């Protein structure tokens, strides 16, 4: 599983800009994230690129949660300062995770049944990273 996870994370890192731009296009038209329509495109694409590029480091960290605290606390403060409602900030993270997966699928990164099983195992770990991010963001908003 580790080798496949690295392949998926390397792919996400390599195509971070494309994934972030697809995410931005989706988030700015979604009925669930209307506040993003007034935000700085450059700022939020850059942040999404950063998240895509940091996934591998966070994935392999000895203490994943601890690694994410600093990163997503900063993210949460940014969206809170920009007056993004909590539910929209969380949904935007969900949409980014989805764009990572959809972009990998669109590029046929996963071929064959074994690759799909390995992909599912890897994506479950990546989902955990985003679950931690959600928890951290909601903590920051609660302060």
N, C-alpha and C. Protein backbone atom coordinates (compact mmCIF):
# COMPACT_ATOMS: atom_id res chain seq x y z
N UNK A 1 0.83 -1.19 0.00
CA UNK A 1 0.00 0.00 0.00
C UNK A 1 0.87 1.26 0.00
N UNK A 2 1.99 1.23 0.72
CA UNK A 2 2.84 2.41 0.85
C UNK A 2 3.31 2.92 -0.50
N UNK A 3 3.73 2.00 -1.38
CA UNK A 3 4.23 2.40 -2.69
C UNK A 3 3.13 3.07 -3.49
N UNK A 4 1.94 2.50 -3.45
CA UNK A 4 0.83 3.10 -4.19
C UNK A 4 0.45 4.45 -3.61
N UNK A 5 0.45 4.56 -2.30
CA UNK A 5 0.14 5.85 -1.66
C UNK A 5 1.13 6.91 -2.11
N UNK A 6 2.40 6.53 -2.17
CA UNK A 6 3.41 7.49 -2.64
C UNK A 6 3.14 7.89 -4.08
N UNK A 7 2.74 6.93 -4.88
CA UNK A 7 2.42 7.23 -6.29
C UNK A 7 1.27 8.22 -6.38
N UNK A 8 0.23 8.00 -5.59
CA UNK A 8 -0.92 8.90 -5.57
C UNK A 8 -0.53 10.28 -5.04
N UNK A 9 0.26 10.31 -3.98
CA UNK A 9 0.67 11.58 -3.39
C UNK A 9 1.66 12.33 -4.28
N UNK A 10 2.54 11.59 -4.94
CA UNK A 10 3.46 12.22 -5.90
C UNK A 10 2.66 12.84 -7.05
N UNK A 11 1.66 12.12 -7.51
CA UNK A 11 0.80 12.60 -8.58
C UNK A 11 0.07 13.87 -8.14
N UNK A 12 -0.47 13.85 -6.94
CA UNK A 12 -1.18 15.02 -6.40
C UNK A 12 -0.24 16.21 -6.28
N UNK A 13 0.97 15.96 -5.84
CA UNK A 13 1.95 17.03 -5.72
C UNK A 13 2.34 17.58 -7.10
N UNK A 14 2.59 16.69 -8.03
CA UNK A 14 3.00 17.09 -9.38
C UNK A 14 1.93 17.92 -10.10
N UNK A 15 0.68 17.56 -9.88
CA UNK A 15 -0.42 18.25 -10.56
C UNK A 15 -1.21 19.16 -9.62
N UNK A 16 -0.57 19.62 -8.57
CA UNK A 16 -1.23 20.45 -7.56
C UNK A 16 -1.90 21.67 -8.17
N UNK A 17 -1.23 22.32 -9.11
CA UNK A 17 -1.80 23.52 -9.72
C UNK A 17 -3.07 23.21 -10.49
N UNK A 18 -3.05 22.14 -11.27
CA UNK A 18 -4.25 21.76 -12.04
C UNK A 18 -5.39 21.35 -11.12
N UNK A 19 -5.07 20.60 -10.08
CA UNK A 19 -6.09 20.17 -9.12
C UNK A 19 -6.69 21.38 -8.43
N UNK A 20 -5.83 22.31 -8.01
CA UNK A 20 -6.31 23.52 -7.31
C UNK A 20 -7.19 24.37 -8.22
N UNK A 21 -6.82 24.48 -9.47
CA UNK A 21 -7.63 25.28 -10.41
C UNK A 21 -8.98 24.62 -10.66
N UNK A 22 -8.99 23.31 -10.78
CA UNK A 22 -10.28 22.60 -10.92
C UNK A 22 -11.12 22.78 -9.66
N UNK A 23 -10.45 22.71 -8.51
CA UNK A 23 -11.16 22.92 -7.25
C UNK A 23 -11.77 24.32 -7.22
N UNK A 24 -10.98 25.34 -7.59
CA UNK A 24 -11.48 26.71 -7.56
C UNK A 24 -12.70 26.87 -8.47
N UNK A 25 -12.64 26.30 -9.65
CA UNK A 25 -13.77 26.40 -10.57
C UNK A 25 -15.02 25.76 -9.97
N UNK A 26 -14.85 24.66 -9.27
CA UNK A 26 -15.98 23.97 -8.63
C UNK A 26 -16.49 24.73 -7.42
N UNK A 27 -15.58 25.22 -6.59
CA UNK A 27 -15.98 25.85 -5.33
C UNK A 27 -16.67 27.20 -5.57
N UNK A 28 -16.24 27.92 -6.60
CA UNK A 28 -16.83 29.24 -6.81
C UNK A 28 -18.23 29.18 -7.43
N UNK A 29 -18.62 28.04 -7.99
CA UNK A 29 -19.97 27.94 -8.55
C UNK A 29 -20.90 27.08 -7.70
N UNK A 30 -20.36 26.45 -6.69
CA UNK A 30 -21.18 25.58 -5.85
C UNK A 30 -22.17 26.39 -5.00
N UNK A 31 -23.38 25.90 -4.92
CA UNK A 31 -24.38 26.53 -4.06
C UNK A 31 -24.03 26.36 -2.58
N UNK A 32 -23.14 25.43 -2.27
CA UNK A 32 -22.75 25.18 -0.88
C UNK A 32 -21.60 26.06 -0.41
N UNK A 33 -20.98 26.80 -1.35
CA UNK A 33 -19.83 27.64 -0.99
C UNK A 33 -19.94 29.03 -1.63
N UNK A 34 -21.04 29.74 -1.45
CA UNK A 34 -21.22 31.02 -2.13
C UNK A 34 -20.24 32.11 -1.69
N UNK A 35 -19.75 32.06 -0.47
CA UNK A 35 -18.84 33.12 -0.02
C UNK A 35 -17.51 33.10 -0.77
N UNK A 36 -17.16 31.97 -1.36
CA UNK A 36 -15.90 31.88 -2.10
C UNK A 36 -15.91 32.73 -3.36
N UNK A 37 -17.08 33.09 -3.84
CA UNK A 37 -17.20 33.90 -5.06
C UNK A 37 -16.59 35.29 -4.88
N UNK A 38 -16.49 35.75 -3.64
CA UNK A 38 -15.97 37.09 -3.38
C UNK A 38 -14.52 37.08 -2.90
N UNK A 39 -13.93 35.91 -2.78
CA UNK A 39 -12.57 35.78 -2.25
C UNK A 39 -11.53 35.89 -3.36
N UNK A 40 -10.30 36.09 -2.95
CA UNK A 40 -9.18 36.20 -3.88
C UNK A 40 -8.87 34.85 -4.52
N UNK A 41 -9.05 34.78 -5.81
CA UNK A 41 -8.75 33.54 -6.54
C UNK A 41 -7.30 33.14 -6.36
N UNK A 42 -6.38 34.08 -6.53
CA UNK A 42 -4.95 33.76 -6.41
C UNK A 42 -4.60 33.23 -5.03
N UNK A 43 -5.14 33.86 -4.01
CA UNK A 43 -4.85 33.47 -2.62
C UNK A 43 -5.34 32.05 -2.34
N UNK A 44 -6.55 31.74 -2.78
CA UNK A 44 -7.12 30.44 -2.46
C UNK A 44 -6.60 29.33 -3.36
N UNK A 45 -6.26 29.65 -4.57
CA UNK A 45 -5.62 28.63 -5.41
C UNK A 45 -4.25 28.31 -4.83
N UNK A 46 -3.51 29.34 -4.43
CA UNK A 46 -2.18 29.12 -3.83
C UNK A 46 -2.30 28.25 -2.57
N UNK A 47 -3.31 28.52 -1.77
CA UNK A 47 -3.51 27.73 -0.55
C UNK A 47 -3.84 26.28 -0.89
N UNK A 48 -4.66 26.08 -1.89
CA UNK A 48 -5.02 24.71 -2.31
C UNK A 48 -3.82 23.97 -2.89
N UNK A 49 -3.01 24.67 -3.65
CA UNK A 49 -1.77 24.08 -4.17
C UNK A 49 -0.89 23.64 -2.99
N UNK A 50 -0.79 24.50 -2.00
CA UNK A 50 0.01 24.18 -0.82
C UNK A 50 -0.51 22.93 -0.11
N UNK A 51 -1.81 22.82 0.04
CA UNK A 51 -2.39 21.64 0.69
C UNK A 51 -2.04 20.39 -0.12
N UNK A 52 -2.21 20.46 -1.43
CA UNK A 52 -1.89 19.31 -2.29
C UNK A 52 -0.42 18.90 -2.14
N UNK A 53 0.43 19.87 -2.05
CA UNK A 53 1.86 19.59 -1.95
C UNK A 53 2.28 19.12 -0.56
N UNK A 54 1.53 19.49 0.45
CA UNK A 54 1.86 19.10 1.83
C UNK A 54 1.30 17.73 2.21
N UNK A 55 0.39 17.20 1.43
CA UNK A 55 -0.26 15.93 1.77
C UNK A 55 0.75 14.80 2.00
N UNK A 56 1.74 14.69 1.14
CA UNK A 56 2.71 13.59 1.27
C UNK A 56 3.48 13.71 2.59
N UNK A 57 3.91 14.92 2.90
CA UNK A 57 4.65 15.12 4.16
C UNK A 57 3.77 14.76 5.36
N UNK A 58 2.52 15.23 5.33
CA UNK A 58 1.61 14.94 6.44
C UNK A 58 1.28 13.45 6.51
N UNK A 59 1.10 12.84 5.35
CA UNK A 59 0.78 11.41 5.27
C UNK A 59 1.86 10.57 5.93
N UNK A 60 3.12 10.95 5.70
CA UNK A 60 4.24 10.16 6.20
C UNK A 60 4.77 10.62 7.56
N UNK A 61 4.20 11.64 8.12
CA UNK A 61 4.66 12.15 9.41
C UNK A 61 4.49 11.08 10.49
N UNK A 62 5.43 11.07 11.41
CA UNK A 62 5.35 10.12 12.52
C UNK A 62 4.08 10.37 13.34
N UNK A 63 3.78 11.65 13.55
CA UNK A 63 2.57 12.04 14.28
C UNK A 63 1.75 12.92 13.35
N UNK A 64 0.94 12.27 12.53
CA UNK A 64 0.16 12.96 11.51
C UNK A 64 -0.66 14.10 12.08
N UNK A 65 -1.38 13.83 13.15
CA UNK A 65 -2.25 14.85 13.72
C UNK A 65 -1.45 16.07 14.17
N UNK A 66 -0.34 15.84 14.85
CA UNK A 66 0.49 16.95 15.31
C UNK A 66 0.99 17.78 14.13
N UNK A 67 1.34 17.10 13.05
CA UNK A 67 1.82 17.77 11.85
C UNK A 67 0.73 18.66 11.25
N UNK A 68 -0.49 18.18 11.33
CA UNK A 68 -1.60 18.92 10.74
C UNK A 68 -2.06 20.11 11.59
N UNK A 69 -1.83 20.06 12.87
CA UNK A 69 -2.31 21.15 13.74
C UNK A 69 -1.78 22.50 13.27
N UNK A 70 -0.49 22.61 13.10
CA UNK A 70 0.09 23.90 12.69
C UNK A 70 -0.43 24.31 11.32
N UNK A 71 -0.46 23.38 10.41
CA UNK A 71 -0.84 23.70 9.04
C UNK A 71 -2.30 24.14 8.96
N UNK A 72 -3.19 23.35 9.49
CA UNK A 72 -4.61 23.66 9.34
C UNK A 72 -5.12 24.71 10.33
N UNK A 73 -4.37 24.97 11.39
CA UNK A 73 -4.71 26.11 12.24
C UNK A 73 -4.50 27.39 11.45
N UNK A 74 -3.40 27.46 10.72
CA UNK A 74 -3.15 28.63 9.86
C UNK A 74 -4.25 28.77 8.80
N UNK A 75 -4.60 27.66 8.16
CA UNK A 75 -5.66 27.67 7.15
C UNK A 75 -6.98 28.16 7.77
N UNK A 76 -7.31 27.63 8.93
CA UNK A 76 -8.57 27.99 9.60
C UNK A 76 -8.60 29.48 9.94
N UNK A 77 -7.48 30.00 10.41
CA UNK A 77 -7.42 31.43 10.72
C UNK A 77 -7.60 32.27 9.46
N UNK A 78 -7.05 31.80 8.35
CA UNK A 78 -7.18 32.51 7.09
C UNK A 78 -8.65 32.58 6.66
N UNK A 79 -9.33 31.44 6.64
CA UNK A 79 -10.72 31.45 6.17
C UNK A 79 -11.63 32.17 7.17
N UNK A 80 -11.31 32.07 8.44
CA UNK A 80 -12.11 32.78 9.45
C UNK A 80 -11.93 34.29 9.30
N UNK A 81 -10.70 34.73 9.09
CA UNK A 81 -10.43 36.16 8.86
C UNK A 81 -11.16 36.66 7.63
N UNK A 82 -11.24 35.81 6.61
CA UNK A 82 -11.94 36.18 5.38
C UNK A 82 -13.46 36.02 5.50
N UNK A 83 -13.92 35.71 6.71
CA UNK A 83 -15.35 35.60 7.03
C UNK A 83 -16.07 34.51 6.23
N UNK A 84 -15.35 33.44 5.97
CA UNK A 84 -15.97 32.27 5.34
C UNK A 84 -16.71 31.52 6.45
N UNK A 85 -18.01 31.27 6.27
CA UNK A 85 -18.73 30.50 7.28
C UNK A 85 -18.10 29.12 7.47
N UNK A 86 -18.15 28.63 8.69
CA UNK A 86 -17.51 27.35 9.00
C UNK A 86 -17.98 26.24 8.08
N UNK A 87 -19.27 26.13 7.85
CA UNK A 87 -19.77 25.03 7.02
C UNK A 87 -19.23 25.12 5.59
N UNK A 88 -19.00 26.33 5.09
CA UNK A 88 -18.44 26.48 3.76
C UNK A 88 -16.95 26.14 3.75
N UNK A 89 -16.23 26.53 4.79
CA UNK A 89 -14.80 26.22 4.87
C UNK A 89 -14.58 24.71 4.91
N UNK A 90 -15.44 24.02 5.63
CA UNK A 90 -15.34 22.56 5.71
C UNK A 90 -15.70 21.93 4.37
N UNK A 91 -16.77 22.40 3.77
CA UNK A 91 -17.18 21.83 2.49
C UNK A 91 -16.13 22.09 1.40
N UNK A 92 -15.46 23.22 1.47
CA UNK A 92 -14.39 23.50 0.50
C UNK A 92 -13.26 22.48 0.64
N UNK A 93 -12.95 22.07 1.86
CA UNK A 93 -11.94 21.02 2.06
C UNK A 93 -12.41 19.69 1.47
N UNK A 94 -13.68 19.39 1.68
CA UNK A 94 -14.26 18.17 1.11
C UNK A 94 -14.14 18.21 -0.41
N UNK A 95 -14.42 19.37 -0.98
CA UNK A 95 -14.34 19.51 -2.44
C UNK A 95 -12.90 19.36 -2.94
N UNK A 96 -11.94 19.84 -2.17
CA UNK A 96 -10.53 19.69 -2.57
C UNK A 96 -10.13 18.22 -2.55
N UNK A 97 -10.51 17.54 -1.51
CA UNK A 97 -10.22 16.09 -1.43
C UNK A 97 -10.83 15.37 -2.63
N UNK A 98 -12.05 15.74 -2.95
CA UNK A 98 -12.74 15.12 -4.09
C UNK A 98 -12.02 15.43 -5.41
N UNK A 99 -11.55 16.65 -5.57
CA UNK A 99 -10.85 17.01 -6.80
C UNK A 99 -9.54 16.23 -6.94
N UNK A 100 -8.86 15.98 -5.83
CA UNK A 100 -7.64 15.17 -5.88
C UNK A 100 -7.96 13.79 -6.46
N UNK A 101 -9.00 13.20 -5.95
CA UNK A 101 -9.41 11.87 -6.37
C UNK A 101 -9.90 11.88 -7.82
N UNK A 102 -10.75 12.83 -8.16
CA UNK A 102 -11.30 12.89 -9.52
C UNK A 102 -10.22 13.15 -10.56
N UNK A 103 -9.25 13.99 -10.23
CA UNK A 103 -8.18 14.26 -11.18
C UNK A 103 -7.35 13.00 -11.41
N UNK A 104 -7.05 12.28 -10.35
CA UNK A 104 -6.30 11.03 -10.49
C UNK A 104 -7.07 10.03 -11.34
N UNK A 105 -8.38 9.94 -11.12
CA UNK A 105 -9.21 9.05 -11.93
C UNK A 105 -9.22 9.48 -13.39
N UNK A 106 -9.32 10.77 -13.64
CA UNK A 106 -9.39 11.27 -15.02
C UNK A 106 -8.09 11.02 -15.78
N UNK A 107 -7.00 10.89 -15.07
CA UNK A 107 -5.71 10.63 -15.70
C UNK A 107 -5.37 9.14 -15.73
N UNK A 108 -6.36 8.33 -15.35
CA UNK A 108 -6.22 6.87 -15.35
C UNK A 108 -5.01 6.40 -14.54
N UNK A 109 -4.85 7.03 -13.38
CA UNK A 109 -3.77 6.62 -12.48
C UNK A 109 -4.01 5.20 -11.96
N UNK A 110 -5.28 4.83 -11.84
CA UNK A 110 -5.64 3.53 -11.30
C UNK A 110 -6.12 2.63 -12.43
N UNK A 111 -5.36 1.62 -12.74
CA UNK A 111 -5.78 0.66 -13.76
C UNK A 111 -5.63 -0.74 -13.18
N UNK A 112 -6.63 -1.55 -13.38
CA UNK A 112 -6.62 -2.92 -12.86
C UNK A 112 -7.22 -3.00 -11.47
N UNK A 113 -7.69 -4.18 -11.12
CA UNK A 113 -8.40 -4.36 -9.84
C UNK A 113 -7.48 -4.20 -8.64
N UNK A 114 -6.23 -4.68 -8.72
CA UNK A 114 -5.30 -4.52 -7.60
C UNK A 114 -5.01 -3.05 -7.36
N UNK A 115 -4.82 -2.30 -8.43
CA UNK A 115 -4.56 -0.87 -8.29
C UNK A 115 -5.74 -0.17 -7.64
N UNK A 116 -6.95 -0.58 -7.97
CA UNK A 116 -8.14 0.03 -7.37
C UNK A 116 -8.22 -0.28 -5.88
N UNK A 117 -7.89 -1.50 -5.50
CA UNK A 117 -7.89 -1.86 -4.07
C UNK A 117 -6.84 -1.02 -3.34
N UNK A 118 -5.64 -0.91 -3.92
CA UNK A 118 -4.59 -0.11 -3.31
C UNK A 118 -4.99 1.36 -3.26
N UNK A 119 -5.67 1.83 -4.28
CA UNK A 119 -6.14 3.22 -4.31
C UNK A 119 -7.12 3.46 -3.17
N UNK A 120 -8.03 2.54 -2.98
CA UNK A 120 -9.01 2.70 -1.89
C UNK A 120 -8.34 2.72 -0.53
N UNK A 121 -7.35 1.87 -0.33
CA UNK A 121 -6.62 1.87 0.93
C UNK A 121 -5.90 3.19 1.13
N UNK A 122 -5.30 3.70 0.08
CA UNK A 122 -4.58 4.97 0.16
C UNK A 122 -5.53 6.13 0.39
N UNK A 123 -6.63 6.13 -0.33
CA UNK A 123 -7.58 7.23 -0.20
C UNK A 123 -8.19 7.24 1.20
N UNK A 124 -8.35 6.08 1.81
CA UNK A 124 -8.86 6.04 3.19
C UNK A 124 -7.92 6.78 4.13
N UNK A 125 -6.63 6.63 3.93
CA UNK A 125 -5.64 7.33 4.76
C UNK A 125 -5.70 8.84 4.49
N UNK A 126 -5.86 9.20 3.22
CA UNK A 126 -5.95 10.62 2.86
C UNK A 126 -7.24 11.22 3.43
N UNK A 127 -8.31 10.44 3.43
CA UNK A 127 -9.56 10.90 4.05
C UNK A 127 -9.32 11.19 5.53
N UNK A 128 -8.55 10.34 6.19
CA UNK A 128 -8.22 10.58 7.60
C UNK A 128 -7.50 11.92 7.77
N UNK A 129 -6.57 12.23 6.87
CA UNK A 129 -5.88 13.52 6.94
C UNK A 129 -6.88 14.67 6.86
N UNK A 130 -7.85 14.55 5.95
CA UNK A 130 -8.86 15.60 5.83
C UNK A 130 -9.82 15.60 7.01
N UNK A 131 -10.08 14.45 7.60
CA UNK A 131 -10.89 14.41 8.82
C UNK A 131 -10.20 15.17 9.95
N UNK A 132 -8.91 14.97 10.10
CA UNK A 132 -8.15 15.73 11.08
C UNK A 132 -8.23 17.23 10.78
N UNK A 133 -8.09 17.56 9.50
CA UNK A 133 -8.17 18.98 9.10
C UNK A 133 -9.51 19.57 9.50
N UNK A 134 -10.58 18.84 9.28
CA UNK A 134 -11.92 19.29 9.63
C UNK A 134 -12.02 19.54 11.14
N UNK A 135 -11.50 18.61 11.90
CA UNK A 135 -11.52 18.74 13.36
C UNK A 135 -10.75 19.98 13.81
N UNK A 136 -9.58 20.19 13.24
CA UNK A 136 -8.73 21.34 13.60
C UNK A 136 -9.42 22.65 13.21
N UNK A 137 -9.96 22.72 12.02
CA UNK A 137 -10.64 23.94 11.56
C UNK A 137 -11.81 24.26 12.47
N UNK A 138 -12.60 23.28 12.86
CA UNK A 138 -13.75 23.55 13.73
C UNK A 138 -13.30 24.00 15.11
N UNK A 139 -12.18 23.49 15.59
CA UNK A 139 -11.64 23.95 16.88
C UNK A 139 -11.25 25.42 16.80
N UNK A 140 -10.57 25.82 15.74
CA UNK A 140 -10.14 27.21 15.59
C UNK A 140 -11.36 28.13 15.50
N UNK A 141 -12.36 27.73 14.78
CA UNK A 141 -13.56 28.56 14.65
C UNK A 141 -14.28 28.70 16.00
N UNK A 142 -14.15 27.69 16.84
CA UNK A 142 -14.81 27.73 18.15
C UNK A 142 -14.15 28.64 19.16
N UNK A 143 -12.95 29.10 18.85
CA UNK A 143 -12.20 29.95 19.80
C UNK A 143 -12.60 31.39 19.66
